[in-house]
Each structure stands twice: as structure tokens, then as C-alpha cells.
PDB file of N, CA and C in Angstrom:
ATOM      1  N   MET A   1       1.775  51.895-102.452  1.00  0.00           N
ATOM      2  CA  MET A   1       0.517  51.976-100.819  1.00  0.00           C
ATOM      3  C   MET A   1      -0.655  51.899-101.508  1.00  0.00           C
ATOM      4  N   HIS A   2      -1.087  53.085-102.316  1.00  0.00           N
ATOM      5  CA  HIS A   2      -2.506  52.730-102.374  1.00  0.00           C
ATOM      6  C   HIS A   2      -3.128  51.721-103.325  1.00  0.00           C
ATOM      7  N   ALA A   3      -1.667  51.650-104.184  1.00  0.00           N
ATOM      8  CA  ALA A   3      -2.383  50.604-105.620  1.00  0.00           C
ATOM      9  C   ALA A   3      -2.933  49.084-104.219  1.00  0.00           C
ATOM     10  N   LEU A   4      -2.097  48.927-103.127  1.00  0.00           N
ATOM     11  CA  LEU A   4      -2.917  47.578-102.210  1.00  0.00           C
ATOM     12  C   LEU A   4      -3.941  48.016-101.470  1.00  0.00           C
ATOM     13  N   TRP A   5      -4.904  49.218-101.443  1.00  0.00           N
ATOM     14  CA  TRP A   5      -6.201  49.167-100.515  1.00  0.00           C
ATOM     15  C   TRP A   5      -7.206  48.366-101.677  1.00  0.00           C
ATOM     16  N   PRO A   6      -7.506  48.601-102.652  1.00  0.00           N
ATOM     17  CA  PRO A   6      -8.300  47.558-102.787  1.00  0.00           C
ATOM     18  C   PRO A   6      -8.220  46.434-102.576  1.00  0.00           C
ATOM     19  N   TYR A   7      -7.052  45.531-102.575  1.00  0.00           N
ATOM     20  CA  TYR A   7      -6.564  44.378-102.493  1.00  0.00           C
ATOM     21  C   TYR A   7      -6.847  44.056-101.046  1.00  0.00           C
ATOM     22  N   LEU A   8      -6.635  45.108 -99.806  1.00  0.00           N
ATOM     23  CA  LEU A   8      -6.945  44.751 -98.161  1.00  0.00           C
ATOM     24  C   LEU A   8      -8.467  44.728 -98.679  1.00  0.00           C
ATOM     25  N   ILE A   9      -9.059  45.507 -98.996  1.00  0.00           N
ATOM     26  CA  ILE A   9     -10.441  45.829 -98.784  1.00  0.00           C
ATOM     27  C   ILE A   9     -11.241  44.327 -99.407  1.00  0.00           C
ATOM     28  N   ALA A  10     -10.733  43.874-100.243  1.00  0.00           N
ATOM     29  CA  ALA A  10     -11.316  42.451-100.682  1.00  0.00           C
ATOM     30  C   ALA A  10     -11.250  41.309 -99.780  1.00  0.00           C
ATOM     31  N   VAL A  11     -10.025  41.768 -99.406  1.00  0.00           N
ATOM     32  CA  VAL A  11      -9.838  40.416 -98.307  1.00  0.00           C
ATOM     33  C   VAL A  11     -10.150  40.607 -97.372  1.00  0.00           C
ATOM     34  N   GLY A  12     -10.277  41.430 -96.499  1.00  0.00           N
ATOM     35  CA  GLY A  12     -11.027  41.796 -95.208  1.00  0.00           C
ATOM     36  C   GLY A  12     -12.668  41.537 -95.347  1.00  0.00           C
ATOM     37  N   CYS A  13     -13.181  41.910 -96.641  1.00  0.00           N
ATOM     38  CA  CYS A  13     -15.162  41.880 -97.144  1.00  0.00           C
ATOM     39  C   CYS A  13     -14.798  40.295 -96.993  1.00  0.00           C
ATOM     40  N   LEU A  14     -14.081  39.359 -97.639  1.00  0.00           N
ATOM     41  CA  LEU A  14     -13.816  37.858 -97.688  1.00  0.00           C
ATOM     42  C   LEU A  14     -14.026  37.400 -96.599  1.00  0.00           C
ATOM     43  N   ALA A  15     -13.019  37.880 -95.309  1.00  0.00           N
ATOM     44  CA  ALA A  15     -12.897  37.415 -94.278  1.00  0.00           C
ATOM     45  C   ALA A  15     -14.023  37.479 -93.399  1.00  0.00           C
ATOM     46  N   LEU A  16     -14.577  39.130 -93.393  1.00  0.00           N
ATOM     47  CA  LEU A  16     -16.087  39.237 -93.143  1.00  0.00           C
ATOM     48  C   LEU A  16     -16.772  38.363 -93.305  1.00  0.00           C
ATOM     49  N   VAL A  17     -17.243  38.136 -94.755  1.00  0.00           N
ATOM     50  CA  VAL A  17     -18.130  37.137 -94.875  1.00  0.00           C
ATOM     51  C   VAL A  17     -18.216  35.767 -94.586  1.00  0.00           C
ATOM     52  N   LEU A  18     -16.874  35.337 -94.854  1.00  0.00           N
ATOM     53  CA  LEU A  18     -16.560  34.143 -94.454  1.00  0.00           C
ATOM     54  C   LEU A  18     -17.279  33.474 -92.909  1.00  0.00           C
ATOM     55  N   GLY A  19     -16.109  34.813 -91.982  1.00  0.00           N
ATOM     56  CA  GLY A  19     -16.796  34.656 -90.615  1.00  0.00           C
ATOM     57  C   GLY A  19     -18.247  34.723 -90.787  1.00  0.00           C
ATOM     58  N   PHE A  20     -18.893  35.480 -90.935  1.00  0.00           N
ATOM     59  CA  PHE A  20     -20.656  35.359 -90.960  1.00  0.00           C
ATOM     60  C   PHE A  20     -20.765  33.829 -91.407  1.00  0.00           C
ATOM     61  N   LEU A  21     -20.803  33.550 -92.541  1.00  0.00           N
ATOM     62  CA  LEU A  21     -21.163  32.041 -92.585  1.00  0.00           C
ATOM     63  C   LEU A  21     -20.956  30.815 -92.032  1.00  0.00           C
ATOM     64  N   THR A  22     -19.087  30.764 -91.302  1.00  0.00           N
ATOM     65  CA  THR A  22     -18.828  29.672 -89.918  1.00  0.00           C
ATOM     66  C   THR A  22     -20.342  30.451 -88.924  1.00  0.00           C
ATOM     67  N   TRP A  23     -20.441  31.500 -88.737  1.00  0.00           N
ATOM     68  CA  TRP A  23     -21.053  31.526 -86.981  1.00  0.00           C
ATOM     69  C   TRP A  23     -22.234  31.062 -87.624  1.00  0.00           C
ATOM     70  N   ALA A  24     -22.890  31.245 -88.457  1.00  0.00           N
ATOM     71  CA  ALA A  24     -24.163  30.831 -89.257  1.00  0.00           C
ATOM     72  C   ALA A  24     -24.412  30.144 -89.291  1.00  0.00           C
ATOM     73  N   ALA A  25     -23.064  28.976 -89.427  1.00  0.00           N
ATOM     74  CA  ALA A  25     -23.505  27.404 -89.755  1.00  0.00           C
ATOM     75  C   ALA A  25     -23.601  26.789 -88.381  1.00  0.00           C
ATOM     76  N   ARG A  26     -22.751  27.855 -87.316  1.00  0.00           N
ATOM     77  CA  ARG A  26     -23.009  26.774 -85.727  1.00  0.00           C
ATOM     78  C   ARG A  26     -24.332  27.007 -85.310  1.00  0.00           C
ATOM     79  N   TRP A  27     -24.320  27.933 -85.603  1.00  0.00           N
ATOM     80  CA  TRP A  27     -25.828  28.574 -84.853  1.00  0.00           C
ATOM     81  C   TRP A  27     -26.972  27.942 -85.669  1.00  0.00           C
ATOM     82  N   ILE A  28     -26.731  27.246 -86.817  1.00  0.00           N
ATOM     83  CA  ILE A  28     -27.889  26.351 -87.038  1.00  0.00           C
ATOM     84  C   ILE A  28     -27.807  25.430 -86.790  1.00  0.00           C
ATOM     85  N   ARG A  29     -26.620  24.465 -86.427  1.00  0.00           N
ATOM     86  CA  ARG A  29     -26.019  23.188 -86.712  1.00  0.00           C
ATOM     87  C   ARG A  29     -26.770  23.422 -84.681  1.00  0.00           C
ATOM     88  N   ARG A  30     -26.644  24.248 -83.694  1.00  0.00           N
ATOM     89  CA  ARG A  30     -27.008  24.188 -82.301  1.00  0.00           C
ATOM     90  C   ARG A  30     -28.251  24.038 -82.378  1.00  0.00           C
ATOM     91  N   ARG A  31     -29.014  24.567 -83.030  1.00  0.00           N
ATOM     92  CA  ARG A  31     -30.712  24.884 -83.171  1.00  0.00           C
ATOM     93  C   ARG A  31     -31.368  23.631 -83.821  1.00  0.00           C
ATOM     94  N   GLY A  32     -30.605  22.876 -84.537  1.00  0.00           N
ATOM     95  CA  GLY A  32     -30.947  21.808 -85.283  1.00  0.00           C
ATOM     96  C   GLY A  32     -31.990  22.391 -86.182  1.00  0.00           C
ATOM     97  N   SER A  33     -32.243  23.604 -86.953  1.00  0.00           N
ATOM     98  CA  SER A  33     -33.258  23.843 -87.526  1.00  0.00           C
ATOM     99  C   SER A  33     -32.648  24.059 -88.943  1.00  0.00           C
ATOM    100  N   GLY A  34     -31.992  23.076 -89.738  1.00  0.00           N
ATOM    101  CA  GLY A  34     -30.835  23.494 -90.930  1.00  0.00           C
ATOM    102  C   GLY A  34     -31.699  21.957 -91.940  1.00  0.00           C
ATOM    103  N   GLY A  35     -31.874  21.565 -90.805  1.00  0.00           N
ATOM    104  CA  GLY A  35     -32.142  19.551 -92.192  1.00  0.00           C
ATOM    105  C   GLY A  35     -33.351  19.776 -92.536  1.00  0.00           C
ATOM    106  N   GLY A  36     -34.313  20.025 -92.787  1.00  0.00           N
ATOM    107  CA  GLY A  36     -35.567  19.893 -93.592  1.00  0.00           C
ATOM    108  C   GLY A  36     -35.464  21.364 -94.614  1.00  0.00           C
ATOM    109  N   GLY A  37     -35.064  22.317 -94.215  1.00  0.00           N
ATOM    110  CA  GLY A  37     -34.539  23.023 -95.529  1.00  0.00           C
ATOM    111  C   GLY A  37     -33.977  22.934 -96.559  1.00  0.00           C
ATOM    112  N   VAL A  38     -32.408  22.477 -95.857  1.00  0.00           N
ATOM    113  CA  VAL A  38     -31.573  22.125 -97.191  1.00  0.00           C
ATOM    114  C   VAL A  38     -31.940  20.713 -97.623  1.00  0.00           C
ATOM    115  N   GLY A  39     -32.836  19.544 -96.704  1.00  0.00           N
ATOM    116  CA  GLY A  39     -33.258  18.382 -97.751  1.00  0.00           C
ATOM    117  C   GLY A  39     -34.137  18.840 -98.995  1.00  0.00           C
ATOM    118  N   ALA A  40     -35.571  19.887 -98.325  1.00  0.00           N
ATOM    119  CA  ALA A  40     -35.825  20.180 -99.667  1.00  0.00           C
ATOM    120  C   ALA A  40     -36.146  21.068-100.726  1.00  0.00           C
ATOM    121  N   ALA A  41     -34.466  21.775 -99.930  1.00  0.00           N
ATOM    122  CA  ALA A  41     -34.092  22.525-101.218  1.00  0.00           C
ATOM    123  C   ALA A  41     -32.950  21.429-102.145  1.00  0.00           C
ATOM    124  N   LEU A  42     -32.424  20.556-101.783  1.00  0.00           N
ATOM    125  CA  LEU A  42     -31.899  19.428-102.566  1.00  0.00           C
ATOM    126  C   LEU A  42     -33.308  18.560-103.513  1.00  0.00           C
ATOM    127  N   ALA A  43     -34.104  18.024-103.024  1.00  0.00           N
ATOM    128  CA  ALA A  43     -34.773  17.315-103.688  1.00  0.00           C
ATOM    129  C   ALA A  43     -35.134  18.282-104.724  1.00  0.00           C
ATOM    130  N   ALA A  44     -35.970  19.328-104.436  1.00  0.00           N
ATOM    131  CA  ALA A  44     -35.962  20.817-105.759  1.00  0.00           C
ATOM    132  C   ALA A  44     -35.136  20.061-106.925  1.00  0.00           C
ATOM    133  N   TYR A  45     -33.684  21.002-106.601  1.00  0.00           N
ATOM    134  CA  TYR A  45     -32.974  20.602-107.594  1.00  0.00           C
ATOM    135  C   TYR A  45     -32.796  19.490-108.172  1.00  0.00           C
ATOM    136  N   GLU A  46     -32.165  17.693-107.285  1.00  0.00           N
ATOM    137  CA  GLU A  46     -32.749  17.054-107.810  1.00  0.00           C
ATOM    138  C   GLU A  46     -33.711  16.187-108.758  1.00  0.00           C
ATOM    139  N   GLU A  47     -34.866  17.281-108.389  1.00  0.00           N
ATOM    140  CA  GLU A  47     -36.137  16.959-109.567  1.00  0.00           C
ATOM    141  C   GLU A  47     -36.283  17.701-110.958  1.00  0.00           C
ATOM    142  N   ALA A  48     -35.601  18.752-110.804  1.00  0.00           N
ATOM    143  CA  ALA A  48     -35.363  19.533-112.015  1.00  0.00           C
ATOM    144  C   ALA A  48     -34.312  18.646-112.548  1.00  0.00           C
ATOM    145  N   PHE A  49     -33.291  18.798-112.109  1.00  0.00           N
ATOM    146  CA  PHE A  49     -31.618  18.131-113.198  1.00  0.00           C
ATOM    147  C   PHE A  49     -31.461  16.771-113.117  1.00  0.00           C
ATOM    148  N   ARG A  50     -31.956  15.965-111.577  1.00  0.00           N
ATOM    149  CA  ARG A  50     -31.853  14.533-111.847  1.00  0.00           C
ATOM    150  C   ARG A  50     -33.572  14.071-112.110  1.00  0.00           C
ATOM    151  N   ALA A  51     -33.647  13.560-112.641  1.00  0.00           N
ATOM    152  CA  ALA A  51     -35.409  12.822-113.140  1.00  0.00           C
ATOM    153  C   ALA A  51     -35.499  11.802-111.990  1.00  0.00           C
ATOM    154  N   THR A  52     -34.568  10.866-112.470  1.00  0.00           N
ATOM    155  CA  THR A  52     -34.155  10.080-112.206  1.00  0.00           C
ATOM    156  C   THR A  52     -33.874   9.486-110.740  1.00  0.00           C
ATOM    157  N   SER A  53     -32.898  10.465-110.167  1.00  0.00           N
ATOM    158  CA  SER A  53     -32.740  10.745-108.340  1.00  0.00           C
ATOM    159  C   SER A  53     -33.770  10.868-107.927  1.00  0.00           C
ATOM    160  N   HIS A  54     -34.713  11.788-108.076  1.00  0.00           N
ATOM    161  CA  HIS A  54     -35.954  12.398-107.557  1.00  0.00           C
ATOM    162  C   HIS A  54     -36.998  11.229-107.535  1.00  0.00           C
ATOM    163  N   ALA A  55     -37.196  10.538-108.151  1.00  0.00           N
ATOM    164  CA  ALA A  55     -37.871   9.481-108.632  1.00  0.00           C
ATOM    165  C   ALA A  55     -37.593   8.552-107.134  1.00  0.00           C
ATOM    166  N   ALA A  56     -36.373   7.976-107.784  1.00  0.00           N
ATOM    167  CA  ALA A  56     -35.611   7.258-106.575  1.00  0.00           C
ATOM    168  C   ALA A  56     -36.279   7.991-104.814  1.00  0.00           C
ATOM    169  N   TYR A  57     -35.523   8.969-104.571  1.00  0.00           N
ATOM    170  CA  TYR A  57     -35.928   9.761-103.859  1.00  0.00           C
ATOM    171  C   TYR A  57     -37.343   9.614-102.707  1.00  0.00           C
ATOM    172  N   GLN A  58     -38.081  10.127-103.544  1.00  0.00           N
ATOM    173  CA  GLN A  58     -39.787   9.781-103.519  1.00  0.00           C
ATOM    174  C   GLN A  58     -40.008   8.779-103.184  1.00  0.00           C
ATOM    175  N   GLU A  59     -39.154   7.378-103.506  1.00  0.00           N
ATOM    176  CA  GLU A  59     -39.950   6.319-103.365  1.00  0.00           C
ATOM    177  C   GLU A  59     -39.170   5.461-102.114  1.00  0.00           C
ATOM    178  N   ILE A  60     -38.176   6.063-101.762  1.00  0.00           N
ATOM    179  CA  ILE A  60     -37.337   5.967-100.271  1.00  0.00           C
ATOM    180  C   ILE A  60     -38.483   6.538 -99.194  1.00  0.00           C
ATOM    181  N   ARG A  61     -38.860   7.797 -99.422  1.00  0.00           N
ATOM    182  CA  ARG A  61     -39.624   8.822 -98.480  1.00  0.00           C
ATOM    183  C   ARG A  61     -40.781   7.725 -98.090  1.00  0.00           C
ATOM    184  N   ALA A  62     -41.736   6.878 -99.633  1.00  0.00           N
ATOM    185  CA  ALA A  62     -42.611   6.546 -99.240  1.00  0.00           C
ATOM    186  C   ALA A  62     -42.490   5.038 -98.936  1.00  0.00           C
ATOM    187  N   GLU A  63     -41.703   4.918 -98.897  1.00  0.00           N
ATOM    188  CA  GLU A  63     -41.390   3.472 -98.018  1.00  0.00           C
ATOM    189  C   GLU A  63     -40.863   3.465 -96.905  1.00  0.00           C
ATOM    190  N   ALA A  64     -40.525   4.613 -96.229  1.00  0.00           N
ATOM    191  CA  ALA A  64     -39.722   5.017 -94.491  1.00  0.00           C
ATOM    192  C   ALA A  64     -41.367   5.567 -94.492  1.00  0.00           C
ATOM    193  N   GLY A  65     -42.035   5.767 -94.616  1.00  0.00           N
ATOM    194  CA  GLY A  65     -43.379   6.444 -94.274  1.00  0.00           C
ATOM    195  C   GLY A  65     -44.875   5.257 -93.912  1.00  0.00           C
ATOM    196  N   ARG A  66     -44.202   4.475 -94.611  1.00  0.00           N
ATOM    197  CA  ARG A  66     -45.649   3.029 -94.186  1.00  0.00           C
ATOM    198  C   ARG A  66     -44.922   2.406 -93.420  1.00  0.00           C
ATOM    199  N   LYS A  67     -45.775   1.474 -92.459  1.00  0.00           N
ATOM    200  CA  LYS A  67     -45.923   0.890 -91.597  1.00  0.00           C
ATOM    201  C   LYS A  67     -45.939  -0.285 -91.751  1.00  0.00           C
ATOM    202  N   ASP A  68     -45.088  -1.506 -91.226  1.00  0.00           N
ATOM    203  CA  ASP A  68     -45.370  -2.537 -90.572  1.00  0.00           C
ATOM    204  C   ASP A  68     -46.361  -3.457 -90.648  1.00  0.00           C
ATOM    205  N   PRO A  69     -47.358  -4.061 -90.856  1.00  0.00           N
ATOM    206  CA  PRO A  69     -48.734  -4.865 -90.774  1.00  0.00           C
ATOM    207  C   PRO A  69     -48.361  -5.491 -89.796  1.00  0.00           C
ATOM    208  N   LEU A  70     -49.485  -4.950 -88.835  1.00  0.00           N
ATOM    209  CA  LEU A  70     -49.578  -5.280 -87.079  1.00  0.00           C
ATOM    210  C   LEU A  70     -50.326  -6.781 -86.668  1.00  0.00           C
ATOM    211  N   GLU A  71     -49.878  -7.736 -85.832  1.00  0.00           N
ATOM    212  CA  GLU A  71     -50.314  -8.849 -85.959  1.00  0.00           C
ATOM    213  C   GLU A  71     -51.362  -8.794 -85.093  1.00  0.00           C
ATOM    214  N   SER A  72     -52.490  -9.410 -85.298  1.00  0.00           N
ATOM    215  CA  SER A  72     -53.874  -9.385 -84.563  1.00  0.00           C
ATOM    216  C   SER A  72     -53.166  -9.667 -83.243  1.00  0.00           C
ATOM    217  N   PRO A  73     -54.766  -8.544 -82.776  1.00  0.00           N
ATOM    218  CA  PRO A  73     -54.686  -8.768 -80.861  1.00  0.00           C
ATOM    219  C   PRO A  73     -54.485 -10.238 -80.511  1.00  0.00           C
ATOM    220  N   ASP A  74     -55.015 -11.389 -80.929  1.00  0.00           N
ATOM    221  CA  ASP A  74     -55.525 -12.447 -80.396  1.00  0.00           C
ATOM    222  C   ASP A  74     -54.343 -13.352 -80.731  1.00  0.00           C
ATOM    223  N   TRP A  75     -53.578 -13.386 -81.662  1.00  0.00           N
ATOM    224  CA  TRP A  75     -52.453 -14.263 -81.606  1.00  0.00           C
ATOM    225  C   TRP A  75     -52.058 -14.862 -81.200  1.00  0.00           C
ATOM    226  N   LEU A  76     -51.578 -14.465 -79.212  1.00  0.00           N
ATOM    227  CA  LEU A  76     -51.193 -15.382 -78.396  1.00  0.00           C
ATOM    228  C   LEU A  76     -52.292 -16.003 -78.241  1.00  0.00           C
ATOM    229  N   ARG A  77     -53.552 -15.937 -78.336  1.00  0.00           N
ATOM    230  CA  ARG A  77     -54.398 -16.518 -77.682  1.00  0.00           C
ATOM    231  C   ARG A  77     -55.095 -18.289 -78.816  1.00  0.00           C
ATOM    232  N   ARG A  78     -54.731 -17.456 -80.259  1.00  0.00           N
ATOM    233  CA  ARG A  78     -54.744 -18.364 -81.315  1.00  0.00           C
ATOM    234  C   ARG A  78     -53.746 -19.702 -80.990  1.00  0.00           C
ATOM    235  N   LEU A  79     -51.933 -19.321 -80.239  1.00  0.00           N
ATOM    236  CA  LEU A  79     -51.109 -19.872 -80.156  1.00  0.00           C
ATOM    237  C   LEU A  79     -51.536 -20.521 -79.122  1.00  0.00           C
ATOM    238  N   ARG A  80     -51.697 -20.435 -77.912  1.00  0.00           N
ATOM    239  CA  ARG A  80     -52.489 -21.191 -77.106  1.00  0.00           C
ATOM    240  C   ARG A  80     -53.457 -22.521 -77.158  1.00  0.00           C
ATOM    241  N   LYS A  81     -54.337 -21.992 -78.539  1.00  0.00           N
ATOM    242  CA  LYS A  81     -55.186 -22.926 -78.821  1.00  0.00           C
ATOM    243  C   LYS A  81     -54.391 -24.099 -79.179  1.00  0.00           C
ATOM    244  N   ARG A  82     -53.381 -23.923 -80.410  1.00  0.00           N
ATOM    245  CA  ARG A  82     -52.912 -25.443 -80.393  1.00  0.00           C
ATOM    246  C   ARG A  82     -51.901 -25.813 -79.738  1.00  0.00           C
ATOM    247  N   GLY A  83     -51.966 -25.151 -79.311  1.00  0.00           N
ATOM    248  CA  GLY A  83     -51.041 -26.048 -77.682  1.00  0.00           C
ATOM    249  C   GLY A  83     -49.607 -25.819 -77.863  1.00  0.00           C
ATOM    250  N   ARG A  84     -49.156 -24.507 -78.242  1.00  0.00           N
ATOM    251  CA  ARG A  84     -47.703 -24.397 -78.257  1.00  0.00           C
ATOM    252  C   ARG A  84     -47.145 -23.446 -77.059  1.00  0.00           C
TER     253      ARG A  84
END
């Protein structure tokens, strides 16, 4: 019986850690506070170990931040002058 105690303690600790991580994951998802940190951590990992992937990621972020050129405010007036 004394030989089982270390195994029971190890299994109990593992169950405790997994239970805590499950609770923390649910809490983070509910609050919505994990997205930015996880994205930054993955970007740092890719910058260190996958340089081409990081470059592509940065280009995609830059492209998403760009805005489409806006039409001139008088585009409707110009169309009316042409008779359309």
C-alpha cells in the first residue's frame, strides 16, 4: 500500500493542474482577454523561428490596416453634369 502513495499524489496533482487550466481557459474565453496576448506570443515565436512566416504575418497586418481610397465628395455632382 505504501508503494501506491507517490502515484496517487502524482495523479492528484495532475488532476488539480488540469482542472485549474480548464477553469482558467473558460474564464479567459468568457472575458475575451486572451486574444491579444496569444497573438503577440505567437508573432514573437514566428519571428524567432520562422522568419518568412513572420514577414508574411506583418504584411497581412499592414494590409488590413490600410484603408481604401475614398471617393471625392463631389462624385455625384460630376455624374449629374455628364447627364447620367
